[in-house]
Amino acid sequence: MVAESNAQAPERAEFYQRIAGHSLAPLWEVLHGLVTKTPQTPAPFWLYYFNVEAVDRATARAKDGGGEVLNGPMQVPGGSWIVQCRDPQGAMFAMVGPKR
């Protein structure tokens, strides 16, 4: 599976490298799930989750870099933590990992 970000400024990959703490290359493990679209969601979409070393630290880096937290952080079944965010250009993404 290949993921692609269509953004106005491709150099903004630095935002994701900063929150992940390393280059993007090792982040692409393929996991998937299906959820029911809420009435507030205007259209179906795929949401990509980046594996991070600690959700609380990566969330802080995302906010410091101009990102916005939309939902979470919260614990999910299995013990991992997730947070859903929007990057400075408005694209939605999420992160998963241990809390600390």
Protein backbone atom coordinates (compact mmCIF):
# COMPACT_ATOMS: atom_id res chain seq x y z
CA MET A 1 0.00 0.00 0.00
CA VAL A 2 1.26 3.48 -0.82
CA ALA A 3 0.19 6.63 0.97
CA GLU A 4 0.48 10.01 -0.68
CA SER A 5 0.07 13.50 0.70
CA ASN A 6 -1.11 16.06 -1.82
CA ALA A 7 -0.08 19.30 -0.19
CA GLN A 8 0.58 22.85 -1.29
CA ALA A 9 4.09 22.77 0.19
CA PRO A 10 5.82 19.37 0.01
CA GLU A 11 8.70 20.72 2.10
CA ARG A 12 6.26 20.66 5.03
CA ALA A 13 7.23 17.00 5.50
CA GLU A 14 9.53 18.51 8.14
CA PHE A 15 6.41 18.90 10.34
CA TYR A 16 5.87 15.12 10.32
CA GLN A 17 9.56 14.32 10.75
CA ARG A 18 9.67 16.60 13.81
CA ILE A 19 6.64 15.00 15.51
CA ALA A 20 7.78 11.47 14.65
CA GLY A 21 11.33 12.12 15.80
CA HIS A 22 12.88 10.54 12.68
CA SER A 23 12.49 10.33 8.91
CA LEU A 24 9.17 9.18 7.51
CA ALA A 25 10.53 6.02 5.84
CA PRO A 26 10.09 3.61 8.81
CA LEU A 27 6.58 4.84 9.59
CA TRP A 28 4.78 3.00 6.81
CA GLU A 29 3.56 -0.20 8.45
CA VAL A 30 0.28 -1.21 6.89
CA LEU A 31 -2.56 -1.49 9.37
CA HIS A 32 -6.17 -0.87 8.58
CA GLY A 33 -9.59 -0.65 10.12
CA LEU A 34 -13.09 0.46 9.27
CA VAL A 35 -15.22 2.81 11.33
CA THR A 36 -18.69 4.26 10.79
CA LYS A 37 -18.69 7.81 9.42
CA THR A 38 -20.33 10.28 11.79
CA PRO A 39 -23.03 12.67 10.53
CA GLN A 40 -20.59 15.57 11.07
CA THR A 41 -18.05 14.06 8.68
CA PRO A 42 -18.73 15.53 5.22
CA ALA A 43 -17.30 12.62 3.20
CA PRO A 44 -15.63 9.24 3.69
CA PHE A 45 -11.84 9.35 3.93
CA TRP A 46 -8.78 7.32 4.96
CA LEU A 47 -7.03 8.40 8.15
CA TYR A 48 -3.35 7.49 8.44
CA TYR A 49 -1.86 6.71 11.86
CA PHE A 50 1.85 7.35 12.39
CA ASN A 51 3.61 5.09 14.90
CA VAL A 52 5.32 7.29 17.49
CA GLU A 53 7.51 6.54 20.50
CA ALA A 54 5.18 8.39 22.91
CA VAL A 55 1.80 9.93 22.06
CA ASP A 56 2.02 12.69 24.68
CA ARG A 57 5.42 13.92 23.45
CA ALA A 58 4.48 13.65 19.76
CA THR A 59 1.23 15.55 20.47
CA ALA A 60 3.21 18.36 22.11
CA ARG A 61 5.55 18.52 19.10
CA ALA A 62 2.57 18.61 16.72
CA LYS A 63 1.02 21.53 18.61
CA ASP A 64 4.37 23.35 18.85
CA GLY A 65 4.73 22.97 15.07
CA GLY A 66 1.37 24.58 14.34
CA GLY A 67 -0.81 21.45 14.36
CA GLU A 68 -4.17 21.14 16.10
CA VAL A 69 -5.53 18.29 18.23
CA LEU A 70 -9.00 17.24 17.04
CA ASN A 71 -9.67 14.17 19.20
CA GLY A 72 -7.80 12.60 22.11
CA PRO A 73 -5.32 11.54 23.22
CA MET A 74 -7.24 8.47 24.36
CA GLN A 75 -6.51 4.86 25.18
CA VAL A 76 -7.86 2.22 22.80
CA PRO A 77 -8.41 -1.53 23.27
CA GLY A 78 -5.06 -3.27 23.52
CA GLY A 79 -3.48 -0.50 25.59
CA SER A 80 -2.17 1.81 22.86
CA TRP A 81 -2.96 5.50 22.84
CA ILE A 82 -4.17 7.49 19.81
CA VAL A 83 -4.63 11.15 18.97
CA GLN A 84 -6.19 12.64 15.85
CA CYS A 85 -4.79 15.94 14.59
CA ARG A 86 -4.77 18.46 11.76
CA ASP A 87 -1.47 19.66 10.30
CA PRO A 88 -0.72 23.36 9.58
CA GLN A 89 -2.07 22.97 6.03
CA GLY A 90 -5.36 21.49 7.24
CA ALA A 91 -4.73 17.78 6.46
CA MET A 92 -5.94 15.32 9.08
CA PHE A 93 -3.60 12.65 10.45
CA ALA A 94 -3.36 10.54 13.60
CA MET A 95 -0.67 9.03 15.81
CA VAL A 96 -0.56 5.78 17.79
CA GLY A 97 1.82 4.48 20.42
CA PRO A 98 2.39 4.23 24.15
CA LYS A 99 1.20 7.24 26.16
CA ARG A 100 4.64 8.16 27.56
